[in-house]
């Protein structure tokens, strides 16, 4: 029997942020991404949110060896693990169980002072650029809601615990998309 897999659609797309083997490109249908506020964190989180059946987000799947979810569940504290129930398309074994993580809607807050950390967004975009190219980065921005949330420029002193160093070209790519969507950088 195959190990279960997770579907990652944010920082887990950046394989430099985890140790899970044999990551493969995949897509989750019926979901979008959104930046959501939660009382559990000082920053806004990227979450999967239910959407129209035709909605689709790109990401990666990877095995969770021996079904040992404890480390991944700890990494994804504040998120709920959800069985993807056949909504993940990929090139691998179609019989494997796949789960994704989402912030429970009961934990969302409409107002607050939390911001999107630019160091977090940089990690996500770097992963999408490496896995899906510039078209994948554009698709990430286009299939994510909540861009009206202020973005804290913490590049000089990253607050995101899994921050990565971006090349000048990667930084320029992030900044171009932020300008395209008229994001508020503070």
N, C-alpha and C. Protein backbone atom coordinates (compact mmCIF):
# COMPACT_ATOMS: atom_id res chain seq x y z
N UNK A 1 0.84 -1.18 0.00
CA UNK A 1 0.00 0.00 0.00
C UNK A 1 0.88 1.24 0.00
N UNK A 2 0.51 2.24 -0.76
CA UNK A 2 1.28 3.48 -0.89
C UNK A 2 1.08 4.38 0.32
N UNK A 3 2.12 5.16 0.58
CA UNK A 3 2.01 6.17 1.63
C UNK A 3 0.99 7.22 1.21
N UNK A 4 0.28 7.81 2.18
CA UNK A 4 -0.60 8.93 1.84
C UNK A 4 0.26 10.12 1.41
N UNK A 5 -0.36 11.08 0.77
CA UNK A 5 0.32 12.27 0.28
C UNK A 5 -0.38 13.53 0.79
N UNK A 6 0.35 14.63 0.81
CA UNK A 6 -0.27 15.92 1.03
C UNK A 6 -0.27 16.68 -0.29
N UNK A 7 -1.21 17.59 -0.42
CA UNK A 7 -1.22 18.54 -1.52
C UNK A 7 -0.85 19.89 -0.94
N UNK A 8 0.25 20.47 -1.41
CA UNK A 8 0.68 21.79 -0.97
C UNK A 8 0.42 22.82 -2.04
N UNK A 9 -0.07 23.98 -1.64
CA UNK A 9 -0.45 25.04 -2.58
C UNK A 9 0.16 26.38 -2.21
N UNK A 10 1.02 26.41 -1.20
CA UNK A 10 1.64 27.65 -0.74
C UNK A 10 3.12 27.42 -0.53
N UNK A 11 3.58 27.57 0.71
CA UNK A 11 5.01 27.41 0.98
C UNK A 11 5.48 25.98 0.73
N UNK A 12 4.59 25.00 0.81
CA UNK A 12 4.99 23.62 0.54
C UNK A 12 5.35 23.37 -0.92
N UNK A 13 4.99 24.30 -1.81
CA UNK A 13 5.42 24.19 -3.21
C UNK A 13 6.91 24.46 -3.32
N UNK A 14 7.45 25.20 -2.38
CA UNK A 14 8.89 25.47 -2.36
C UNK A 14 9.56 24.31 -1.64
N UNK A 15 10.15 23.41 -2.39
CA UNK A 15 10.70 22.18 -1.81
C UNK A 15 11.90 22.42 -0.91
N UNK A 16 12.46 23.62 -0.92
CA UNK A 16 13.54 23.95 0.00
C UNK A 16 13.03 24.12 1.43
N UNK A 17 11.70 24.18 1.60
CA UNK A 17 11.13 24.40 2.94
C UNK A 17 10.69 23.11 3.63
N UNK A 18 10.91 21.96 2.98
CA UNK A 18 10.50 20.70 3.62
C UNK A 18 11.38 19.55 3.13
N UNK A 19 11.19 18.40 3.76
CA UNK A 19 12.03 17.23 3.46
C UNK A 19 11.24 16.09 2.82
N UNK A 20 10.01 16.36 2.37
CA UNK A 20 9.17 15.30 1.84
C UNK A 20 9.64 14.94 0.43
N UNK A 21 9.82 13.63 0.18
CA UNK A 21 10.45 13.20 -1.07
C UNK A 21 9.49 13.15 -2.26
N UNK A 22 10.11 13.16 -3.43
CA UNK A 22 9.41 12.89 -4.70
C UNK A 22 8.19 13.77 -4.93
N UNK A 23 8.34 15.06 -4.72
CA UNK A 23 7.24 15.98 -4.98
C UNK A 23 6.89 15.95 -6.46
N UNK A 24 5.59 15.99 -6.73
CA UNK A 24 5.09 15.96 -8.11
C UNK A 24 4.07 17.06 -8.31
N UNK A 25 4.03 17.61 -9.51
CA UNK A 25 3.04 18.63 -9.82
C UNK A 25 1.64 18.03 -9.77
N UNK A 26 0.69 18.85 -9.31
CA UNK A 26 -0.70 18.40 -9.17
C UNK A 26 -1.60 19.63 -9.20
N UNK A 27 -2.90 19.39 -9.22
CA UNK A 27 -3.88 20.48 -9.17
C UNK A 27 -5.06 20.02 -8.33
N UNK A 28 -5.62 20.95 -7.57
CA UNK A 28 -6.77 20.69 -6.71
C UNK A 28 -7.96 21.45 -7.30
N UNK A 29 -9.03 20.74 -7.63
CA UNK A 29 -10.21 21.38 -8.20
C UNK A 29 -11.24 21.65 -7.11
N UNK A 30 -12.04 22.71 -7.36
CA UNK A 30 -13.09 23.09 -6.42
C UNK A 30 -12.59 23.96 -5.28
N UNK A 31 -11.36 24.45 -5.38
CA UNK A 31 -10.76 25.27 -4.33
C UNK A 31 -10.02 26.44 -4.95
N UNK A 32 -9.86 27.51 -4.17
CA UNK A 32 -9.01 28.66 -4.49
C UNK A 32 -8.11 28.88 -3.28
N UNK A 33 -7.20 29.80 -3.42
CA UNK A 33 -6.39 30.23 -2.27
C UNK A 33 -6.91 31.58 -1.82
N UNK A 34 -6.74 31.88 -0.53
CA UNK A 34 -7.07 33.20 0.00
C UNK A 34 -6.16 33.50 1.19
N UNK A 35 -5.84 34.76 1.33
CA UNK A 35 -5.12 35.22 2.52
C UNK A 35 -6.17 35.46 3.60
N UNK A 36 -6.02 34.80 4.74
CA UNK A 36 -7.01 34.91 5.81
C UNK A 36 -6.33 35.27 7.13
N UNK A 37 -7.07 36.01 7.95
CA UNK A 37 -6.60 36.38 9.28
C UNK A 37 -7.10 35.35 10.28
N UNK A 38 -6.26 35.05 11.25
CA UNK A 38 -6.62 34.12 12.32
C UNK A 38 -6.02 34.66 13.62
N UNK A 39 -6.73 34.51 14.71
CA UNK A 39 -6.22 34.96 16.01
C UNK A 39 -5.00 34.18 16.45
N UNK A 40 -4.73 33.04 15.83
CA UNK A 40 -3.63 32.19 16.26
C UNK A 40 -2.26 32.69 15.81
N UNK A 41 -2.23 33.66 14.89
CA UNK A 41 -0.95 34.10 14.32
C UNK A 41 -0.86 35.62 14.25
N UNK A 42 0.37 36.12 14.22
CA UNK A 42 0.62 37.55 14.05
C UNK A 42 0.70 37.93 12.58
N UNK A 43 0.45 36.99 11.70
CA UNK A 43 0.50 37.25 10.27
C UNK A 43 -0.72 36.63 9.61
N UNK A 44 -0.98 37.06 8.40
CA UNK A 44 -2.07 36.51 7.62
C UNK A 44 -1.59 35.20 7.00
N UNK A 45 -2.46 34.21 6.96
CA UNK A 45 -2.11 32.88 6.45
C UNK A 45 -2.69 32.67 5.06
N UNK A 46 -1.99 31.90 4.27
CA UNK A 46 -2.50 31.49 2.97
C UNK A 46 -3.28 30.20 3.17
N UNK A 47 -4.54 30.21 2.78
CA UNK A 47 -5.39 29.04 3.00
C UNK A 47 -6.08 28.63 1.70
N UNK A 48 -6.42 27.37 1.62
CA UNK A 48 -7.31 26.90 0.57
C UNK A 48 -8.74 27.17 1.05
N UNK A 49 -9.58 27.60 0.12
CA UNK A 49 -10.98 27.88 0.45
C UNK A 49 -11.86 27.23 -0.61
N UNK A 50 -12.99 26.66 -0.19
CA UNK A 50 -13.89 26.04 -1.18
C UNK A 50 -14.32 27.08 -2.21
N UNK A 51 -14.45 26.63 -3.45
CA UNK A 51 -14.81 27.53 -4.55
C UNK A 51 -15.69 26.77 -5.54
N UNK A 52 -15.95 27.40 -6.65
CA UNK A 52 -16.76 26.79 -7.71
C UNK A 52 -16.11 25.48 -8.16
N UNK A 53 -16.91 24.51 -8.56
CA UNK A 53 -16.35 23.23 -9.00
C UNK A 53 -15.33 23.36 -10.13
N UNK A 54 -15.42 24.40 -10.92
CA UNK A 54 -14.48 24.58 -12.03
C UNK A 54 -13.17 25.25 -11.59
N UNK A 55 -13.12 25.75 -10.36
CA UNK A 55 -11.89 26.39 -9.88
C UNK A 55 -10.78 25.36 -9.72
N UNK A 56 -9.54 25.81 -9.94
CA UNK A 56 -8.42 24.89 -9.85
C UNK A 56 -7.19 25.66 -9.40
N UNK A 57 -6.43 25.06 -8.47
CA UNK A 57 -5.16 25.64 -8.06
C UNK A 57 -4.05 24.62 -8.26
N UNK A 58 -2.92 25.13 -8.74
CA UNK A 58 -1.75 24.27 -8.93
C UNK A 58 -1.03 24.11 -7.60
N UNK A 59 -0.31 23.01 -7.49
CA UNK A 59 0.50 22.77 -6.31
C UNK A 59 1.32 21.51 -6.51
N UNK A 60 1.80 20.99 -5.40
CA UNK A 60 2.59 19.77 -5.42
C UNK A 60 1.99 18.75 -4.47
N UNK A 61 2.16 17.48 -4.81
CA UNK A 61 1.88 16.42 -3.85
C UNK A 61 3.22 15.78 -3.49
N UNK A 62 3.28 15.25 -2.30
CA UNK A 62 4.46 14.50 -1.85
C UNK A 62 4.01 13.49 -0.81
N UNK A 63 4.76 12.42 -0.72
CA UNK A 63 4.43 11.35 0.21
C UNK A 63 4.67 11.76 1.65
N UNK A 64 3.84 11.24 2.53
CA UNK A 64 4.03 11.36 3.97
C UNK A 64 4.43 9.95 4.42
N UNK A 65 5.76 9.69 4.50
CA UNK A 65 6.24 8.33 4.78
C UNK A 65 5.61 7.72 6.04
N UNK A 66 5.18 6.47 5.88
CA UNK A 66 4.58 5.69 6.96
C UNK A 66 3.36 6.35 7.58
N UNK A 67 2.71 7.23 6.83
CA UNK A 67 1.53 7.95 7.30
C UNK A 67 1.79 8.70 8.61
N UNK A 68 3.03 9.15 8.80
CA UNK A 68 3.41 9.88 10.00
C UNK A 68 3.15 11.38 9.77
N UNK A 69 1.92 11.78 10.06
CA UNK A 69 1.48 13.15 9.82
C UNK A 69 1.95 14.11 10.91
N UNK A 70 2.52 13.62 12.01
CA UNK A 70 2.78 14.48 13.17
C UNK A 70 3.64 15.70 12.85
N UNK A 71 4.74 15.54 12.11
CA UNK A 71 5.61 16.68 11.81
C UNK A 71 4.91 17.67 10.89
N UNK A 72 4.19 17.16 9.89
CA UNK A 72 3.50 18.06 8.97
C UNK A 72 2.34 18.76 9.68
N UNK A 73 1.61 18.04 10.52
CA UNK A 73 0.53 18.67 11.29
C UNK A 73 1.09 19.77 12.20
N UNK A 74 2.27 19.54 12.78
CA UNK A 74 2.88 20.56 13.63
C UNK A 74 3.29 21.77 12.80
N UNK A 75 3.85 21.54 11.63
CA UNK A 75 4.22 22.65 10.74
C UNK A 75 2.98 23.46 10.37
N UNK A 76 1.88 22.79 10.15
CA UNK A 76 0.64 23.42 9.70
C UNK A 76 -0.31 23.74 10.86
N UNK A 77 0.24 24.01 12.03
CA UNK A 77 -0.58 24.40 13.18
C UNK A 77 -1.47 25.58 12.79
N UNK A 78 -2.72 25.51 13.17
CA UNK A 78 -3.69 26.54 12.80
C UNK A 78 -4.49 26.15 11.59
N UNK A 79 -4.06 25.10 10.91
CA UNK A 79 -4.76 24.58 9.74
C UNK A 79 -5.40 23.25 10.11
N UNK A 80 -6.42 22.89 9.38
CA UNK A 80 -7.07 21.59 9.53
C UNK A 80 -6.70 20.74 8.31
N UNK A 81 -6.32 19.49 8.57
CA UNK A 81 -6.03 18.57 7.47
C UNK A 81 -7.35 18.03 6.94
N UNK A 82 -7.52 18.10 5.61
CA UNK A 82 -8.78 17.73 4.96
C UNK A 82 -8.48 16.70 3.87
N UNK A 83 -9.19 15.60 3.86
CA UNK A 83 -9.05 14.64 2.76
C UNK A 83 -9.52 15.29 1.47
N UNK A 84 -8.72 15.18 0.45
CA UNK A 84 -9.02 15.85 -0.82
C UNK A 84 -10.05 15.12 -1.67
N UNK A 85 -10.39 13.91 -1.30
CA UNK A 85 -11.50 13.14 -1.89
C UNK A 85 -11.53 13.13 -3.41
N UNK A 86 -10.40 12.77 -4.01
CA UNK A 86 -10.36 12.61 -5.45
C UNK A 86 -10.33 13.91 -6.24
N UNK A 87 -10.16 15.05 -5.57
CA UNK A 87 -10.17 16.34 -6.28
C UNK A 87 -8.77 16.80 -6.68
N UNK A 88 -7.78 15.93 -6.46
CA UNK A 88 -6.42 16.26 -6.86
C UNK A 88 -6.07 15.46 -8.10
N UNK A 89 -5.70 16.17 -9.16
CA UNK A 89 -5.25 15.48 -10.37
C UNK A 89 -3.73 15.52 -10.40
N UNK A 90 -3.13 14.40 -10.82
CA UNK A 90 -1.68 14.27 -10.86
C UNK A 90 -1.33 13.09 -11.75
N UNK A 91 -0.04 12.94 -12.01
CA UNK A 91 0.43 11.88 -12.91
C UNK A 91 0.73 10.56 -12.19
N UNK A 92 0.63 10.53 -10.88
CA UNK A 92 1.01 9.35 -10.12
C UNK A 92 -0.13 8.37 -9.91
N UNK A 93 0.05 7.53 -8.93
CA UNK A 93 -0.91 6.49 -8.55
C UNK A 93 -2.22 7.15 -8.10
N UNK A 94 -3.29 6.89 -8.83
CA UNK A 94 -4.58 7.53 -8.52
C UNK A 94 -5.26 6.94 -7.29
N UNK A 95 -4.73 5.85 -6.74
CA UNK A 95 -5.36 5.23 -5.57
C UNK A 95 -4.83 5.80 -4.25
N UNK A 96 -3.80 6.66 -4.29
CA UNK A 96 -3.26 7.16 -3.03
C UNK A 96 -4.22 8.15 -2.37
N UNK A 97 -4.20 8.15 -1.06
CA UNK A 97 -4.97 9.13 -0.30
C UNK A 97 -4.18 10.44 -0.27
N UNK A 98 -4.87 11.54 -0.51
CA UNK A 98 -4.24 12.85 -0.51
C UNK A 98 -5.06 13.76 0.40
N UNK A 99 -4.34 14.57 1.18
CA UNK A 99 -4.99 15.55 2.04
C UNK A 99 -4.34 16.91 1.81
N UNK A 100 -5.11 17.95 2.05
CA UNK A 100 -4.57 19.31 2.00
C UNK A 100 -4.97 20.01 3.31
N UNK A 101 -4.38 21.14 3.55
CA UNK A 101 -4.62 21.89 4.78
C UNK A 101 -5.35 23.18 4.47
N UNK A 102 -6.25 23.57 5.38
CA UNK A 102 -6.98 24.83 5.26
C UNK A 102 -7.26 25.38 6.65
N UNK A 103 -7.23 26.70 6.77
CA UNK A 103 -7.60 27.34 8.03
C UNK A 103 -9.10 27.20 8.17
N UNK A 104 -9.59 26.62 9.27
CA UNK A 104 -11.04 26.48 9.43
C UNK A 104 -11.73 27.84 9.37
N UNK A 105 -12.82 27.93 8.64
CA UNK A 105 -13.53 29.21 8.50
C UNK A 105 -13.97 29.76 9.85
N UNK A 106 -14.20 28.90 10.83
CA UNK A 106 -14.58 29.37 12.16
C UNK A 106 -13.46 30.16 12.84
N UNK A 107 -12.22 30.01 12.35
CA UNK A 107 -11.08 30.74 12.91
C UNK A 107 -10.74 32.02 12.15
N UNK A 108 -11.43 32.31 11.05
CA UNK A 108 -11.15 33.51 10.27
C UNK A 108 -11.63 34.74 11.01
N UNK A 109 -10.92 35.83 10.85
CA UNK A 109 -11.30 37.12 11.42
C UNK A 109 -11.35 38.14 10.28
N UNK A 110 -12.40 38.97 10.28
CA UNK A 110 -12.55 39.97 9.22
C UNK A 110 -11.62 41.16 9.41
N UNK A 111 -11.36 41.50 10.63
CA UNK A 111 -10.55 42.69 10.89
C UNK A 111 -9.35 42.31 11.73
N UNK A 112 -8.38 43.16 11.69
CA UNK A 112 -7.18 42.92 12.49
C UNK A 112 -6.02 43.68 11.90
N UNK A 113 -4.92 43.65 12.60
CA UNK A 113 -3.74 44.37 12.16
C UNK A 113 -2.72 43.46 11.50
N UNK A 114 -3.00 42.17 11.43
CA UNK A 114 -2.05 41.25 10.82
C UNK A 114 -1.85 41.60 9.34
N UNK A 115 -0.65 41.33 8.87
CA UNK A 115 -0.29 41.60 7.48
C UNK A 115 0.21 40.31 6.83
N UNK A 116 0.27 40.34 5.53
CA UNK A 116 0.96 39.28 4.79
C UNK A 116 2.45 39.60 4.90
N UNK A 117 3.23 38.63 5.31
CA UNK A 117 4.68 38.84 5.36
C UNK A 117 5.25 38.67 3.96
N UNK A 118 5.99 39.66 3.50
CA UNK A 118 6.59 39.56 2.18
C UNK A 118 7.58 38.40 2.11
N UNK A 119 8.25 38.11 3.22
CA UNK A 119 9.18 36.97 3.23
C UNK A 119 8.44 35.65 3.02
N UNK A 120 7.21 35.55 3.49
CA UNK A 120 6.36 34.37 3.29
C UNK A 120 5.93 34.31 1.82
N UNK A 121 5.44 35.42 1.30
CA UNK A 121 5.03 35.47 -0.10
C UNK A 121 6.20 35.17 -1.02
N UNK A 122 7.38 35.69 -0.70
CA UNK A 122 8.57 35.41 -1.51
C UNK A 122 8.84 33.91 -1.61
N UNK A 123 8.71 33.19 -0.50
CA UNK A 123 8.93 31.74 -0.48
C UNK A 123 7.93 31.04 -1.40
N UNK A 124 6.68 31.45 -1.31
CA UNK A 124 5.64 30.83 -2.13
C UNK A 124 5.92 31.08 -3.61
N UNK A 125 6.17 32.33 -3.96
CA UNK A 125 6.40 32.67 -5.37
C UNK A 125 7.66 32.00 -5.90
N UNK A 126 8.71 31.93 -5.09
CA UNK A 126 9.92 31.23 -5.52
C UNK A 126 9.60 29.78 -5.86
N UNK A 127 8.81 29.13 -5.03
CA UNK A 127 8.41 27.75 -5.30
C UNK A 127 7.62 27.62 -6.58
N UNK A 128 6.66 28.52 -6.80
CA UNK A 128 5.86 28.47 -8.03
C UNK A 128 6.71 28.73 -9.26
N UNK A 129 7.66 29.66 -9.15
CA UNK A 129 8.52 29.94 -10.29
C UNK A 129 9.38 28.71 -10.61
N UNK A 130 9.92 28.07 -9.60
CA UNK A 130 10.77 26.89 -9.82
C UNK A 130 9.98 25.71 -10.37
N UNK A 131 8.76 25.54 -9.93
CA UNK A 131 7.96 24.37 -10.33
C UNK A 131 7.15 24.61 -11.61
N UNK A 132 6.60 25.82 -11.76
CA UNK A 132 5.63 26.07 -12.83
C UNK A 132 6.02 27.22 -13.77
N UNK A 133 7.16 27.86 -13.52
CA UNK A 133 7.61 28.95 -14.38
C UNK A 133 6.84 30.24 -14.15
N UNK A 134 7.09 31.20 -15.01
CA UNK A 134 6.45 32.52 -14.83
C UNK A 134 4.94 32.45 -15.04
N UNK A 135 4.47 31.56 -15.91
CA UNK A 135 3.02 31.40 -16.07
C UNK A 135 2.39 30.87 -14.79
N UNK A 136 3.10 29.98 -14.10
CA UNK A 136 2.60 29.45 -12.83
C UNK A 136 2.53 30.52 -11.75
N UNK A 137 3.50 31.43 -11.77
CA UNK A 137 3.47 32.55 -10.81
C UNK A 137 2.26 33.44 -11.09
N UNK A 138 2.03 33.77 -12.34
CA UNK A 138 0.87 34.58 -12.70
C UNK A 138 -0.42 33.88 -12.27
N UNK A 139 -0.49 32.57 -12.51
CA UNK A 139 -1.68 31.81 -12.10
C UNK A 139 -1.85 31.82 -10.59
N UNK A 140 -0.74 31.76 -9.84
CA UNK A 140 -0.82 31.84 -8.37
C UNK A 140 -1.50 33.15 -7.96
N UNK A 141 -1.03 34.26 -8.49
CA UNK A 141 -1.62 35.56 -8.13
C UNK A 141 -3.08 35.63 -8.55
N UNK A 142 -3.40 35.08 -9.72
CA UNK A 142 -4.76 35.18 -10.25
C UNK A 142 -5.75 34.25 -9.55
N UNK A 143 -5.27 33.20 -8.91
CA UNK A 143 -6.18 32.25 -8.24
C UNK A 143 -6.09 32.37 -6.72
N UNK A 144 -5.66 33.55 -6.27
CA UNK A 144 -5.57 33.83 -4.83
C UNK A 144 -6.35 35.10 -4.54
N UNK A 145 -7.17 35.05 -3.50
CA UNK A 145 -7.95 36.21 -3.07
C UNK A 145 -7.31 36.84 -1.83
N UNK A 146 -7.72 38.06 -1.52
CA UNK A 146 -7.26 38.73 -0.31
C UNK A 146 -6.08 39.66 -0.53
N UNK A 147 -5.83 40.05 -1.78
CA UNK A 147 -4.70 40.93 -2.06
C UNK A 147 -4.91 42.34 -1.56
N UNK A 148 -6.10 42.64 -1.01
CA UNK A 148 -6.32 43.95 -0.41
C UNK A 148 -5.70 44.04 0.99
N UNK A 149 -5.19 42.94 1.49
CA UNK A 149 -4.51 42.91 2.79
C UNK A 149 -3.13 43.55 2.65
N UNK A 150 -2.75 44.44 3.56
CA UNK A 150 -1.41 45.04 3.48
C UNK A 150 -0.31 43.97 3.57
N UNK A 151 0.78 44.25 2.87
CA UNK A 151 1.93 43.34 2.84
C UNK A 151 3.09 44.04 3.53
N UNK A 152 3.62 43.41 4.57
CA UNK A 152 4.73 43.97 5.32
C UNK A 152 6.04 43.60 4.66
N UNK A 153 6.81 44.60 4.25
CA UNK A 153 8.11 44.35 3.62
C UNK A 153 9.12 44.04 4.72
N UNK A 154 9.31 42.76 4.95
CA UNK A 154 10.27 42.30 5.98
C UNK A 154 11.47 41.61 5.34
N UNK A 155 11.77 41.93 4.09
CA UNK A 155 12.88 41.27 3.40
C UNK A 155 14.22 41.48 4.10
N UNK A 156 14.45 42.64 4.66
CA UNK A 156 15.74 42.92 5.31
C UNK A 156 15.90 42.12 6.61
N UNK A 157 14.80 41.85 7.29
CA UNK A 157 14.82 41.08 8.54
C UNK A 157 13.61 40.15 8.51
N UNK A 158 13.70 39.04 7.75
CA UNK A 158 12.55 38.15 7.54
C UNK A 158 11.96 37.62 8.86
N UNK A 159 10.65 37.73 8.95
CA UNK A 159 9.93 37.18 10.11
C UNK A 159 9.43 35.76 9.84
N UNK A 160 9.33 35.41 8.57
CA UNK A 160 8.83 34.07 8.22
C UNK A 160 9.92 33.05 8.52
N UNK A 161 9.58 32.05 9.30
CA UNK A 161 10.59 31.11 9.80
C UNK A 161 11.23 30.24 8.73
N UNK A 162 10.60 30.09 7.58
CA UNK A 162 11.18 29.29 6.50
C UNK A 162 11.60 30.17 5.32
N UNK A 163 11.96 31.41 5.62
CA UNK A 163 12.33 32.34 4.55
C UNK A 163 13.50 31.79 3.75
N UNK A 164 13.58 32.20 2.50
CA UNK A 164 14.62 31.78 1.58
C UNK A 164 15.24 33.02 0.95
N UNK A 165 16.43 32.87 0.45
CA UNK A 165 17.08 33.97 -0.28
C UNK A 165 16.62 33.88 -1.73
N UNK A 166 16.12 34.98 -2.25
CA UNK A 166 15.69 35.04 -3.64
C UNK A 166 16.79 35.64 -4.50
N UNK A 167 16.85 35.19 -5.73
CA UNK A 167 17.75 35.82 -6.69
C UNK A 167 17.17 37.19 -7.05
N UNK A 168 17.99 38.07 -7.63
CA UNK A 168 17.44 39.35 -8.08
C UNK A 168 16.28 39.17 -9.07
N UNK A 169 16.36 38.18 -9.95
CA UNK A 169 15.28 37.94 -10.92
C UNK A 169 14.00 37.50 -10.21
N UNK A 170 14.13 36.66 -9.17
CA UNK A 170 12.95 36.21 -8.42
C UNK A 170 12.32 37.38 -7.67
N UNK A 171 13.15 38.22 -7.06
CA UNK A 171 12.64 39.39 -6.34
C UNK A 171 11.90 40.31 -7.31
N UNK A 172 12.48 40.52 -8.47
CA UNK A 172 11.84 41.37 -9.49
C UNK A 172 10.50 40.79 -9.91
N UNK A 173 10.43 39.47 -10.07
CA UNK A 173 9.18 38.81 -10.46
C UNK A 173 8.09 39.04 -9.41
N UNK A 174 8.42 38.86 -8.13
CA UNK A 174 7.45 39.10 -7.06
C UNK A 174 6.99 40.55 -7.12
N UNK A 175 7.93 41.48 -7.19
CA UNK A 175 7.61 42.90 -7.17
C UNK A 175 6.76 43.31 -8.38
N UNK A 176 7.02 42.73 -9.54
CA UNK A 176 6.21 43.04 -10.72
C UNK A 176 4.75 42.62 -10.53
N UNK A 177 4.55 41.44 -9.96
CA UNK A 177 3.17 40.98 -9.73
C UNK A 177 2.47 41.80 -8.65
N UNK A 178 3.20 42.19 -7.63
CA UNK A 178 2.62 43.03 -6.59
C UNK A 178 2.21 44.38 -7.19
N UNK A 179 3.01 44.92 -8.09
CA UNK A 179 2.64 46.17 -8.76
C UNK A 179 1.43 45.95 -9.66
N UNK A 180 1.38 44.80 -10.34
CA UNK A 180 0.26 44.50 -11.24
C UNK A 180 -1.07 44.47 -10.51
N UNK A 181 -1.07 43.94 -9.29
CA UNK A 181 -2.32 43.83 -8.53
C UNK A 181 -2.53 45.04 -7.61
N UNK A 182 -1.62 46.02 -7.69
CA UNK A 182 -1.71 47.24 -6.87
C UNK A 182 -1.73 46.92 -5.38
N UNK A 183 -0.84 46.02 -4.96
CA UNK A 183 -0.77 45.63 -3.55
C UNK A 183 -0.24 46.79 -2.71
N UNK A 184 -0.74 46.86 -1.48
CA UNK A 184 -0.27 47.88 -0.53
C UNK A 184 0.91 47.32 0.25
N UNK A 185 2.10 47.85 0.01
CA UNK A 185 3.31 47.43 0.70
C UNK A 185 3.59 48.43 1.81
N UNK A 186 3.77 47.92 3.03
CA UNK A 186 4.08 48.81 4.16
C UNK A 186 5.42 48.44 4.77
